[in-house]
Amino acid sequence: MSTPATSLDHDEDRSTARSTALDGNAVAGLLWDLFGEESTTTVGTCAHCGSSGVLAETVVYVQGPGVVIRCRGCDGVLVVVVERRGVRCVDVLGYATLGAGSSAGA
């Protein structure tokens, strides 16, 4: 018989996930493949909390079925990259702006 999950269990899971987090430099090669240029120094603004920073300073998780890049300030999802059957899908809607004042959603 299984026991119901408690908030303590959730906190432990979150702590473990944080310990496996990397910084944005860990996906420098992936970012190069996606954008065709060095992107770890590209500045973006989080659509969730409004904080700005370079991609190298984000929090990255690579142990799932794809790559998730989160805001260091609010933990909001900035970028999700998933590859299936050779097709790479990229969602950058977590950025209000990304790059030289361009809109991420445009």
PDB file of N, CA and C in Angstrom:
ATOM      1  N   MET A   1       0.850  -1.185   0.000  1.00  0.00           N
ATOM      2  CA  MET A   1       0.000   0.000   0.000  1.00  0.00           C
ATOM      3  C   MET A   1       0.889   1.239   0.000  1.00  0.00           C
ATOM      4  N   SER A   2       0.625   2.149  -0.916  1.00  0.00           N
ATOM      5  CA  SER A   2       1.444   3.354  -0.988  1.00  0.00           C
ATOM      6  C   SER A   2       0.866   4.427  -0.075  1.00  0.00           C
ATOM      7  N   THR A   3       1.738   5.308   0.356  1.00  0.00           N
ATOM      8  CA  THR A   3       1.306   6.401   1.217  1.00  0.00           C
ATOM      9  C   THR A   3       1.170   7.662   0.385  1.00  0.00           C
ATOM     10  N   PRO A   4       0.282   8.566   0.755  1.00  0.00           N
ATOM     11  CA  PRO A   4       0.133   9.800  -0.014  1.00  0.00           C
ATOM     12  C   PRO A   4       1.393  10.659   0.084  1.00  0.00           C
ATOM     13  N   ALA A   5       1.676  11.361  -0.992  1.00  0.00           N
ATOM     14  CA  ALA A   5       2.826  12.259  -1.004  1.00  0.00           C
ATOM     15  C   ALA A   5       2.570  13.432  -0.074  1.00  0.00           C
ATOM     16  N   THR A   6       3.589  13.850   0.615  1.00  0.00           N
ATOM     17  CA  THR A   6       3.479  15.003   1.509  1.00  0.00           C
ATOM     18  C   THR A   6       4.255  16.161   0.926  1.00  0.00           C
ATOM     19  N   SER A   7       4.052  17.344   1.476  1.00  0.00           N
ATOM     20  CA  SER A   7       4.812  18.499   1.007  1.00  0.00           C
ATOM     21  C   SER A   7       6.294  18.310   1.295  1.00  0.00           C
ATOM     22  N   LEU A   8       6.616  17.556   2.341  1.00  0.00           N
ATOM     23  CA  LEU A   8       8.016  17.265   2.635  1.00  0.00           C
ATOM     24  C   LEU A   8       8.632  16.448   1.504  1.00  0.00           C
ATOM     25  N   ASP A   9       7.879  15.461   0.988  1.00  0.00           N
ATOM     26  CA  ASP A   9       8.366  14.676  -0.144  1.00  0.00           C
ATOM     27  C   ASP A   9       8.634  15.585  -1.333  1.00  0.00           C
ATOM     28  N   HIS A  10       7.705  16.512  -1.590  1.00  0.00           N
ATOM     29  CA  HIS A  10       7.857  17.437  -2.706  1.00  0.00           C
ATOM     30  C   HIS A  10       9.099  18.305  -2.520  1.00  0.00           C
ATOM     31  N   ASP A  11       9.331  18.783  -1.295  1.00  0.00           N
ATOM     32  CA  ASP A  11      10.511  19.593  -1.015  1.00  0.00           C
ATOM     33  C   ASP A  11      11.785  18.808  -1.252  1.00  0.00           C
ATOM     34  N   GLU A  12      11.792  17.530  -0.874  1.00  0.00           N
ATOM     35  CA  GLU A  12      12.970  16.695  -1.104  1.00  0.00           C
ATOM     36  C   GLU A  12      13.203  16.479  -2.593  1.00  0.00           C
ATOM     37  N   ASP A  13      12.126  16.250  -3.357  1.00  0.00           N
ATOM     38  CA  ASP A  13      12.252  16.106  -4.804  1.00  0.00           C
ATOM     39  C   ASP A  13      12.814  17.372  -5.417  1.00  0.00           C
ATOM     40  N   ARG A  14      12.332  18.515  -4.978  1.00  0.00           N
ATOM     41  CA  ARG A  14      12.784  19.807  -5.500  1.00  0.00           C
ATOM     42  C   ARG A  14      14.252  20.028  -5.159  1.00  0.00           C
ATOM     43  N   SER A  15      14.654  19.647  -3.945  1.00  0.00           N
ATOM     44  CA  SER A  15      16.039  19.775  -3.528  1.00  0.00           C
ATOM     45  C   SER A  15      16.941  18.904  -4.389  1.00  0.00           C
ATOM     46  N   THR A  16      16.519  17.681  -4.675  1.00  0.00           N
ATOM     47  CA  THR A  16      17.295  16.786  -5.520  1.00  0.00           C
ATOM     48  C   THR A  16      17.403  17.347  -6.926  1.00  0.00           C
ATOM     49  N   ALA A  17      16.303  17.881  -7.457  1.00  0.00           N
ATOM     50  CA  ALA A  17      16.322  18.464  -8.796  1.00  0.00           C
ATOM     51  C   ALA A  17      17.284  19.645  -8.847  1.00  0.00           C
ATOM     52  N   ARG A  18      17.258  20.487  -7.822  1.00  0.00           N
ATOM     53  CA  ARG A  18      18.161  21.637  -7.785  1.00  0.00           C
ATOM     54  C   ARG A  18      19.626  21.186  -7.783  1.00  0.00           C
ATOM     55  N   SER A  19      19.910  20.074  -7.102  1.00  0.00           N
ATOM     56  CA  SER A  19      21.293  19.623  -7.021  1.00  0.00           C
ATOM     57  C   SER A  19      21.777  19.091  -8.361  1.00  0.00           C
ATOM     58  N   THR A  20      20.870  18.729  -9.272  1.00  0.00           N
ATOM     59  CA  THR A  20      21.264  18.246 -10.590  1.00  0.00           C
ATOM     60  C   THR A  20      21.179  19.347 -11.648  1.00  0.00           C
ATOM     61  N   ALA A  21      20.834  20.542 -11.234  1.00  0.00           N
ATOM     62  CA  ALA A  21      20.728  21.661 -12.157  1.00  0.00           C
ATOM     63  C   ALA A  21      22.117  22.114 -12.596  1.00  0.00           C
ATOM     64  N   LEU A  22      22.181  22.584 -13.835  1.00  0.00           N
ATOM     65  CA  LEU A  22      23.409  23.117 -14.409  1.00  0.00           C
ATOM     66  C   LEU A  22      23.175  24.576 -14.753  1.00  0.00           C
ATOM     67  N   ASP A  23      24.238  25.271 -15.146  1.00  0.00           N
ATOM     68  CA  ASP A  23      24.018  26.631 -15.624  1.00  0.00           C
ATOM     69  C   ASP A  23      23.931  26.614 -17.148  1.00  0.00           C
ATOM     70  N   GLY A  24      23.583  27.739 -17.721  1.00  0.00           N
ATOM     71  CA  GLY A  24      23.363  27.828 -19.160  1.00  0.00           C
ATOM     72  C   GLY A  24      24.561  27.462 -20.018  1.00  0.00           C
ATOM     73  N   ASN A  25      25.761  27.535 -19.461  1.00  0.00           N
ATOM     74  CA  ASN A  25      26.948  27.159 -20.229  1.00  0.00           C
ATOM     75  C   ASN A  25      26.926  25.681 -20.618  1.00  0.00           C
ATOM     76  N   ALA A  26      26.182  24.865 -19.862  1.00  0.00           N
ATOM     77  CA  ALA A  26      26.117  23.429 -20.139  1.00  0.00           C
ATOM     78  C   ALA A  26      25.448  23.129 -21.473  1.00  0.00           C
ATOM     79  N   VAL A  27      24.653  24.053 -21.981  1.00  0.00           N
ATOM     80  CA  VAL A  27      23.971  23.830 -23.254  1.00  0.00           C
ATOM     81  C   VAL A  27      24.481  24.771 -24.347  1.00  0.00           C
ATOM     82  N   ALA A  28      25.716  25.219 -24.214  1.00  0.00           N
ATOM     83  CA  ALA A  28      26.300  26.135 -25.206  1.00  0.00           C
ATOM     84  C   ALA A  28      26.276  25.526 -26.602  1.00  0.00           C
ATOM     85  N   GLY A  29      26.608  24.248 -26.712  1.00  0.00           N
ATOM     86  CA  GLY A  29      26.609  23.586 -28.023  1.00  0.00           C
ATOM     87  C   GLY A  29      25.209  23.498 -28.610  1.00  0.00           C
ATOM     88  N   LEU A  30      24.238  23.161 -27.777  1.00  0.00           N
ATOM     89  CA  LEU A  30      22.852  23.093 -28.224  1.00  0.00           C
ATOM     90  C   LEU A  30      22.377  24.464 -28.695  1.00  0.00           C
ATOM     91  N   LEU A  31      22.703  25.507 -27.929  1.00  0.00           N
ATOM     92  CA  LEU A  31      22.298  26.857 -28.308  1.00  0.00           C
ATOM     93  C   LEU A  31      22.936  27.264 -29.632  1.00  0.00           C
ATOM     94  N   TRP A  32      24.199  26.866 -29.843  1.00  0.00           N
ATOM     95  CA  TRP A  32      24.880  27.137 -31.116  1.00  0.00           C
ATOM     96  C   TRP A  32      24.117  26.455 -32.259  1.00  0.00           C
ATOM     97  N   ASP A  33      23.753  25.184 -32.049  1.00  0.00           N
ATOM     98  CA  ASP A  33      23.005  24.443 -33.069  1.00  0.00           C
ATOM     99  C   ASP A  33      21.660  25.111 -33.377  1.00  0.00           C
ATOM    100  N   LEU A  34      20.997  25.615 -32.348  1.00  0.00           N
ATOM    101  CA  LEU A  34      19.674  26.215 -32.527  1.00  0.00           C
ATOM    102  C   LEU A  34      19.728  27.583 -33.194  1.00  0.00           C
ATOM    103  N   PHE A  35      20.645  28.431 -32.735  1.00  0.00           N
ATOM    104  CA  PHE A  35      20.653  29.829 -33.156  1.00  0.00           C
ATOM    105  C   PHE A  35      21.782  30.183 -34.119  1.00  0.00           C
ATOM    106  N   GLY A  36      22.723  29.255 -34.345  1.00  0.00           N
ATOM    107  CA  GLY A  36      23.788  29.489 -35.311  1.00  0.00           C
ATOM    108  C   GLY A  36      24.837  30.487 -34.878  1.00  0.00           C
ATOM    109  N   GLU A  37      24.910  30.741 -33.591  1.00  0.00           N
ATOM    110  CA  GLU A  37      25.919  31.665 -33.065  1.00  0.00           C
ATOM    111  C   GLU A  37      26.100  31.424 -31.571  1.00  0.00           C
ATOM    112  N   GLU A  38      27.150  31.991 -31.017  1.00  0.00           N
ATOM    113  CA  GLU A  38      27.397  31.912 -29.573  1.00  0.00           C
ATOM    114  C   GLU A  38      26.251  32.635 -28.882  1.00  0.00           C
ATOM    115  N   SER A  39      25.518  31.916 -28.042  1.00  0.00           N
ATOM    116  CA  SER A  39      24.316  32.495 -27.437  1.00  0.00           C
ATOM    117  C   SER A  39      24.350  32.591 -25.923  1.00  0.00           C
ATOM    118  N   THR A  40      25.380  32.066 -25.274  1.00  0.00           N
ATOM    119  CA  THR A  40      25.389  32.105 -23.810  1.00  0.00           C
ATOM    120  C   THR A  40      25.496  33.530 -23.270  1.00  0.00           C
ATOM    121  N   THR A  41      25.962  34.468 -24.097  1.00  0.00           N
ATOM    122  CA  THR A  41      26.055  35.863 -23.655  1.00  0.00           C
ATOM    123  C   THR A  41      24.856  36.698 -24.127  1.00  0.00           C
ATOM    124  N   THR A  42      23.898  36.064 -24.778  1.00  0.00           N
ATOM    125  CA  THR A  42      22.687  36.752 -25.223  1.00  0.00           C
ATOM    126  C   THR A  42      21.827  37.101 -24.008  1.00  0.00           C
ATOM    127  N   VAL A  43      21.335  38.321 -23.966  1.00  0.00           N
ATOM    128  CA  VAL A  43      20.514  38.789 -22.847  1.00  0.00           C
ATOM    129  C   VAL A  43      19.044  38.554 -23.155  1.00  0.00           C
ATOM    130  N   GLY A  44      18.345  38.016 -22.164  1.00  0.00           N
ATOM    131  CA  GLY A  44      16.907  37.806 -22.290  1.00  0.00           C
ATOM    132  C   GLY A  44      16.189  38.346 -21.069  1.00  0.00           C
ATOM    133  N   THR A  45      14.899  38.650 -21.240  1.00  0.00           N
ATOM    134  CA  THR A  45      14.053  39.118 -20.146  1.00  0.00           C
ATOM    135  C   THR A  45      12.964  38.089 -19.904  1.00  0.00           C
ATOM    136  N   CYS A  46      12.859  37.639 -18.662  1.00  0.00           N
ATOM    137  CA  CYS A  46      11.875  36.631 -18.281  1.00  0.00           C
ATOM    138  C   CYS A  46      10.466  37.199 -18.400  1.00  0.00           C
ATOM    139  N   ALA A  47       9.599  36.467 -19.092  1.00  0.00           N
ATOM    140  CA  ALA A  47       8.204  36.890 -19.244  1.00  0.00           C
ATOM    141  C   ALA A  47       7.416  36.701 -17.952  1.00  0.00           C
ATOM    142  N   HIS A  48       7.948  35.915 -17.017  1.00  0.00           N
ATOM    143  CA  HIS A  48       7.246  35.632 -15.763  1.00  0.00           C
ATOM    144  C   HIS A  48       7.495  36.699 -14.703  1.00  0.00           C
ATOM    145  N   CYS A  49       8.774  37.080 -14.522  1.00  0.00           N
ATOM    146  CA  CYS A  49       9.101  38.006 -13.424  1.00  0.00           C
ATOM    147  C   CYS A  49       9.756  39.305 -13.880  1.00  0.00           C
ATOM    148  N   GLY A  50      10.158  39.371 -15.145  1.00  0.00           N
ATOM    149  CA  GLY A  50      10.752  40.595 -15.671  1.00  0.00           C
ATOM    150  C   GLY A  50      12.245  40.739 -15.452  1.00  0.00           C
ATOM    151  N   SER A  51      12.881  39.769 -14.805  1.00  0.00           N
ATOM    152  CA  SER A  51      14.328  39.891 -14.594  1.00  0.00           C
ATOM    153  C   SER A  51      15.061  39.619 -15.902  1.00  0.00           C
ATOM    154  N   SER A  52      16.207  40.272 -16.050  1.00  0.00           N
ATOM    155  CA  SER A  52      17.021  40.121 -17.256  1.00  0.00           C
ATOM    156  C   SER A  52      18.371  39.531 -16.901  1.00  0.00           C
ATOM    157  N   GLY A  53      18.921  38.773 -17.840  1.00  0.00           N
ATOM    158  CA  GLY A  53      20.249  38.200 -17.645  1.00  0.00           C
ATOM    159  C   GLY A  53      20.674  37.427 -18.871  1.00  0.00           C
ATOM    160  N   VAL A  54      21.937  37.035 -18.877  1.00  0.00           N
ATOM    161  CA  VAL A  54      22.462  36.279 -20.009  1.00  0.00           C
ATOM    162  C   VAL A  54      22.060  34.812 -19.883  1.00  0.00           C
ATOM    163  N   LEU A  55      21.970  34.126 -21.010  1.00  0.00           N
ATOM    164  CA  LEU A  55      21.585  32.718 -21.024  1.00  0.00           C
ATOM    165  C   LEU A  55      22.523  31.854 -20.180  1.00  0.00           C
ATOM    166  N   ALA A  56      23.779  32.230 -20.075  1.00  0.00           N
ATOM    167  CA  ALA A  56      24.742  31.450 -19.284  1.00  0.00           C
ATOM    168  C   ALA A  56      24.363  31.395 -17.810  1.00  0.00           C
ATOM    169  N   GLU A  57      23.590  32.370 -17.336  1.00  0.00           N
ATOM    170  CA  GLU A  57      23.226  32.440 -15.919  1.00  0.00           C
ATOM    171  C   GLU A  57      21.893  31.752 -15.604  1.00  0.00           C
ATOM    172  N   THR A  58      21.273  31.146 -16.589  1.00  0.00           N
ATOM    173  CA  THR A  58      20.008  30.450 -16.352  1.00  0.00           C
ATOM    174  C   THR A  58      20.258  29.119 -15.655  1.00  0.00           C
ATOM    175  N   VAL A  59      19.177  28.475 -15.232  1.00  0.00           N
ATOM    176  CA  VAL A  59      19.242  27.153 -14.597  1.00  0.00           C
ATOM    177  C   VAL A  59      18.762  26.140 -15.628  1.00  0.00           C
ATOM    178  N   VAL A  60      19.577  25.104 -15.867  1.00  0.00           N
ATOM    179  CA  VAL A  60      19.294  24.143 -16.935  1.00  0.00           C
ATOM    180  C   VAL A  60      19.134  22.744 -16.363  1.00  0.00           C
ATOM    181  N   TYR A  61      18.115  22.047 -16.866  1.00  0.00           N
ATOM    182  CA  TYR A  61      17.882  20.645 -16.514  1.00  0.00           C
ATOM    183  C   TYR A  61      17.937  19.830 -17.799  1.00  0.00           C
ATOM    184  N   VAL A  62      18.773  18.799 -17.812  1.00  0.00           N
ATOM    185  CA  VAL A  62      18.947  17.990 -19.018  1.00  0.00           C
ATOM    186  C   VAL A  62      18.577  16.533 -18.814  1.00  0.00           C
ATOM    187  N   GLN A  63      18.139  16.152 -17.612  1.00  0.00           N
ATOM    188  CA  GLN A  63      17.889  14.741 -17.332  1.00  0.00           C
ATOM    189  C   GLN A  63      16.507  14.260 -17.766  1.00  0.00           C
ATOM    190  N   GLY A  64      15.648  15.118 -18.247  1.00  0.00           N
ATOM    191  CA  GLY A  64      14.318  14.706 -18.701  1.00  0.00           C
ATOM    192  C   GLY A  64      14.344  14.297 -20.162  1.00  0.00           C
ATOM    193  N   PRO A  65      13.184  14.220 -20.770  1.00  0.00           N
ATOM    194  CA  PRO A  65      13.129  13.839 -22.180  1.00  0.00           C
ATOM    195  C   PRO A  65      13.594  14.958 -23.111  1.00  0.00           C
ATOM    196  N   GLY A  66      13.882  16.102 -22.555  1.00  0.00           N
ATOM    197  CA  GLY A  66      14.383  17.236 -23.327  1.00  0.00           C
ATOM    198  C   GLY A  66      15.198  18.122 -22.416  1.00  0.00           C
ATOM    199  N   VAL A  67      15.433  19.338 -22.863  1.00  0.00           N
ATOM    200  CA  VAL A  67      16.180  20.326 -22.084  1.00  0.00           C
ATOM    201  C   VAL A  67      15.212  21.405 -21.635  1.00  0.00           C
ATOM    202  N   VAL A  68      15.272  21.755 -20.359  1.00  0.00           N
ATOM    203  CA  VAL A  68      14.445  22.828 -19.812  1.00  0.00           C
ATOM    204  C   VAL A  68      15.379  23.889 -19.239  1.00  0.00           C
ATOM    205  N   ILE A  69      15.179  25.124 -19.681  1.00  0.00           N
ATOM    206  CA  ILE A  69      15.965  26.260 -19.195  1.00  0.00           C
ATOM    207  C   ILE A  69      15.013  27.144 -18.396  1.00  0.00           C
ATOM    208  N   ARG A  70      15.398  27.405 -17.135  1.00  0.00           N
ATOM    209  CA  ARG A  70      14.535  28.168 -16.220  1.00  0.00           C
ATOM    210  C   ARG A  70      15.204  29.460 -15.773  1.00  0.00           C
ATOM    211  N   CYS A  71      14.388  30.411 -15.385  1.00  0.00           N
ATOM    212  CA  CYS A  71      14.850  31.690 -14.848  1.00  0.00           C
ATOM    213  C   CYS A  71      15.473  31.460 -13.471  1.00  0.00           C
ATOM    214  N   ARG A  72      16.635  32.027 -13.257  1.00  0.00           N
ATOM    215  CA  ARG A  72      17.297  31.905 -11.966  1.00  0.00           C
ATOM    216  C   ARG A  72      16.533  32.690 -10.892  1.00  0.00           C
ATOM    217  N   GLY A  73      15.823  33.740 -11.285  1.00  0.00           N
ATOM    218  CA  GLY A  73      15.118  34.575 -10.320  1.00  0.00           C
ATOM    219  C   GLY A  73      13.816  33.986  -9.807  1.00  0.00           C
ATOM    220  N   CYS A  74      12.983  33.459 -10.729  1.00  0.00           N
ATOM    221  CA  CYS A  74      11.649  33.000 -10.320  1.00  0.00           C
ATOM    222  C   CYS A  74      11.386  31.530 -10.610  1.00  0.00           C
ATOM    223  N   ASP A  75      12.315  30.845 -11.266  1.00  0.00           N
ATOM    224  CA  ASP A  75      12.192  29.436 -11.619  1.00  0.00           C
ATOM    225  C   ASP A  75      11.174  29.198 -12.741  1.00  0.00           C
ATOM    226  N   GLY A  76      10.722  30.270 -13.397  1.00  0.00           N
ATOM    227  CA  GLY A  76       9.803  30.126 -14.522  1.00  0.00           C
ATOM    228  C   GLY A  76      10.496  29.471 -15.708  1.00  0.00           C
ATOM    229  N   VAL A  77       9.749  28.722 -16.498  1.00  0.00           N
ATOM    230  CA  VAL A  77      10.315  28.063 -17.674  1.00  0.00           C
ATOM    231  C   VAL A  77      10.533  29.099 -18.773  1.00  0.00           C
ATOM    232  N   LEU A  78      11.771  29.179 -19.255  1.00  0.00           N
ATOM    233  CA  LEU A  78      12.131  30.106 -20.325  1.00  0.00           C
ATOM    234  C   LEU A  78      12.164  29.419 -21.681  1.00  0.00           C
ATOM    235  N   VAL A  79      12.813  28.264 -21.727  1.00  0.00           N
ATOM    236  CA  VAL A  79      13.016  27.541 -22.985  1.00  0.00           C
ATOM    237  C   VAL A  79      12.818  26.053 -22.740  1.00  0.00           C
ATOM    238  N   VAL A  80      12.171  25.390 -23.686  1.00  0.00           N
ATOM    239  CA  VAL A  80      12.070  23.932 -23.689  1.00  0.00           C
ATOM    240  C   VAL A  80      12.512  23.457 -25.071  1.00  0.00           C
ATOM    241  N   VAL A  81      13.413  22.472 -25.087  1.00  0.00           N
ATOM    242  CA  VAL A  81      13.884  21.897 -26.344  1.00  0.00           C
ATOM    243  C   VAL A  81      13.677  20.392 -26.273  1.00  0.00           C
ATOM    244  N   VAL A  82      12.955  19.862 -27.251  1.00  0.00           N
ATOM    245  CA  VAL A  82      12.689  18.432 -27.314  1.00  0.00           C
ATOM    246  C   VAL A  82      12.989  17.973 -28.734  1.00  0.00           C
ATOM    247  N   GLU A  83      13.622  16.798 -28.845  1.00  0.00           N
ATOM    248  CA  GLU A  83      13.884  16.232 -30.160  1.00  0.00           C
ATOM    249  C   GLU A  83      13.177  14.889 -30.271  1.00  0.00           C
ATOM    250  N   ARG A  84      12.471  14.710 -31.378  1.00  0.00           N
ATOM    251  CA  ARG A  84      11.752  13.455 -31.620  1.00  0.00           C
ATOM    252  C   ARG A  84      11.890  13.112 -33.091  1.00  0.00           C
ATOM    253  N   ARG A  85      12.389  11.920 -33.350  1.00  0.00           N
ATOM    254  CA  ARG A  85      12.560  11.437 -34.723  1.00  0.00           C
ATOM    255  C   ARG A  85      13.319  12.423 -35.596  1.00  0.00           C
ATOM    256  N   GLY A  86      14.356  13.029 -35.024  1.00  0.00           N
ATOM    257  CA  GLY A  86      15.198  13.942 -35.783  1.00  0.00           C
ATOM    258  C   GLY A  86      14.649  15.348 -35.956  1.00  0.00           C
ATOM    259  N   VAL A  87      13.489  15.623 -35.385  1.00  0.00           N
ATOM    260  CA  VAL A  87      12.902  16.957 -35.467  1.00  0.00           C
ATOM    261  C   VAL A  87      13.039  17.619 -34.107  1.00  0.00           C
ATOM    262  N   ARG A  88      13.642  18.778 -34.095  1.00  0.00           N
ATOM    263  CA  ARG A  88      13.852  19.510 -32.851  1.00  0.00           C
ATOM    264  C   ARG A  88      12.765  20.569 -32.703  1.00  0.00           C
ATOM    265  N   CYS A  89      12.068  20.541 -31.578  1.00  0.00           N
ATOM    266  CA  CYS A  89      11.031  21.525 -31.263  1.00  0.00           C
ATOM    267  C   CYS A  89      11.555  22.438 -30.169  1.00  0.00           C
ATOM    268  N   VAL A  90      11.430  23.738 -30.388  1.00  0.00           N
ATOM    269  CA  VAL A  90      11.962  24.725 -29.446  1.00  0.00           C
ATOM    270  C   VAL A  90      10.853  25.696 -29.064  1.00  0.00           C
ATOM    271  N   ASP A  91      10.651  25.874 -27.754  1.00  0.00           N
ATOM    272  CA  ASP A  91       9.675  26.821 -27.228  1.00  0.00           C
ATOM    273  C   ASP A  91      10.434  27.857 -26.411  1.00  0.00           C
ATOM    274  N   VAL A  92      10.409  29.102 -26.839  1.00  0.00           N
ATOM    275  CA  VAL A  92      11.089  30.180 -26.108  1.00  0.00           C
ATOM    276  C   VAL A  92      10.088  31.198 -25.561  1.00  0.00           C
ATOM    277  N   LEU A  93       8.842  30.789 -25.409  1.00  0.00           N
ATOM    278  CA  LEU A  93       7.807  31.729 -24.983  1.00  0.00           C
ATOM    279  C   LEU A  93       7.952  32.207 -23.549  1.00  0.00           C
ATOM    280  N   GLY A  94       8.878  31.634 -22.792  1.00  0.00           N
ATOM    281  CA  GLY A  94       9.132  32.109 -21.442  1.00  0.00           C
ATOM    282  C   GLY A  94       9.935  33.406 -21.415  1.00  0.00           C
ATOM    283  N   TYR A  95      10.441  33.784 -22.570  1.00  0.00           N
ATOM    284  CA  TYR A  95      11.170  35.049 -22.681  1.00  0.00           C
ATOM    285  C   TYR A  95      10.253  36.124 -23.220  1.00  0.00           C
ATOM    286  N   ALA A  96      10.230  37.284 -22.575  1.00  0.00           N
ATOM    287  CA  ALA A  96       9.526  38.438 -23.108  1.00  0.00           C
ATOM    288  C   ALA A  96      10.341  39.029 -24.244  1.00  0.00           C
ATOM    289  N   THR A  97      11.668  39.081 -24.056  1.00  0.00           N
ATOM    290  CA  THR A  97      12.594  39.499 -25.105  1.00  0.00           C
ATOM    291  C   THR A  97      13.818  38.599 -25.034  1.00  0.00           C
ATOM    292  N   LEU A  98      14.452  38.423 -26.168  1.00  0.00           N
ATOM    293  CA  LEU A  98      15.652  37.610 -26.249  1.00  0.00           C
ATOM    294  C   LEU A  98      16.539  38.175 -27.338  1.00  0.00           C
ATOM    295  N   GLY A  99      17.739  38.585 -26.965  1.00  0.00           N
ATOM    296  CA  GLY A  99      18.659  39.151 -27.953  1.00  0.00           C
ATOM    297  C   GLY A  99      18.599  40.654 -27.951  1.00  0.00           C
ATOM    298  N   ALA A 100      18.933  41.221 -29.088  1.00  0.00           N
ATOM    299  CA  ALA A 100      19.043  42.682 -29.225  1.00  0.00           C
ATOM    300  C   ALA A 100      17.683  43.347 -29.292  1.00  0.00           C
ATOM    301  N   GLY A 101      16.928  43.275 -28.198  1.00  0.00           N
ATOM    302  CA  GLY A 101      15.639  43.946 -28.106  1.00  0.00           C
ATOM    303  C   GLY A 101      14.541  43.311 -28.928  1.00  0.00           C
ATOM    304  N   SER A 102      14.791  42.114 -29.477  1.00  0.00           N
ATOM    305  CA  SER A 102      13.761  41.458 -30.279  1.00  0.00           C
ATOM    306  C   SER A 102      12.786  40.718 -29.390  1.00  0.00           C
ATOM    307  N   SER A 103      11.587  40.540 -29.879  1.00  0.00           N
ATOM    308  CA  SER A 103      10.576  39.812 -29.122  1.00  0.00           C
ATOM    309  C   SER A 103      10.747  38.320 -29.335  1.00  0.00           C
ATOM    310  N   ALA A 104      10.748  37.532 -28.244  1.00  0.00           N
ATOM    311  CA  ALA A 104      10.924  36.085 -28.346  1.00  0.00           C
ATOM    312  C   ALA A 104       9.751  35.442 -29.033  1.00  0.00           C
ATOM    313  N   GLY A 105       8.573  36.011 -28.926  1.00  0.00           N
ATOM    314  CA  GLY A 105       7.388  35.409 -29.498  1.00  0.00           C
ATOM    315  C   GLY A 105       7.192  35.750 -30.973  1.00  0.00           C
ATOM    316  N   ALA A 106       7.992  36.667 -31.517  1.00  0.00           N
ATOM    317  CA  ALA A 106       7.811  37.084 -32.905  1.00  0.00           C
ATOM    318  C   ALA A 106       8.475  36.148 -33.867  1.00  0.00           C
TER     319      ALA A 106
END
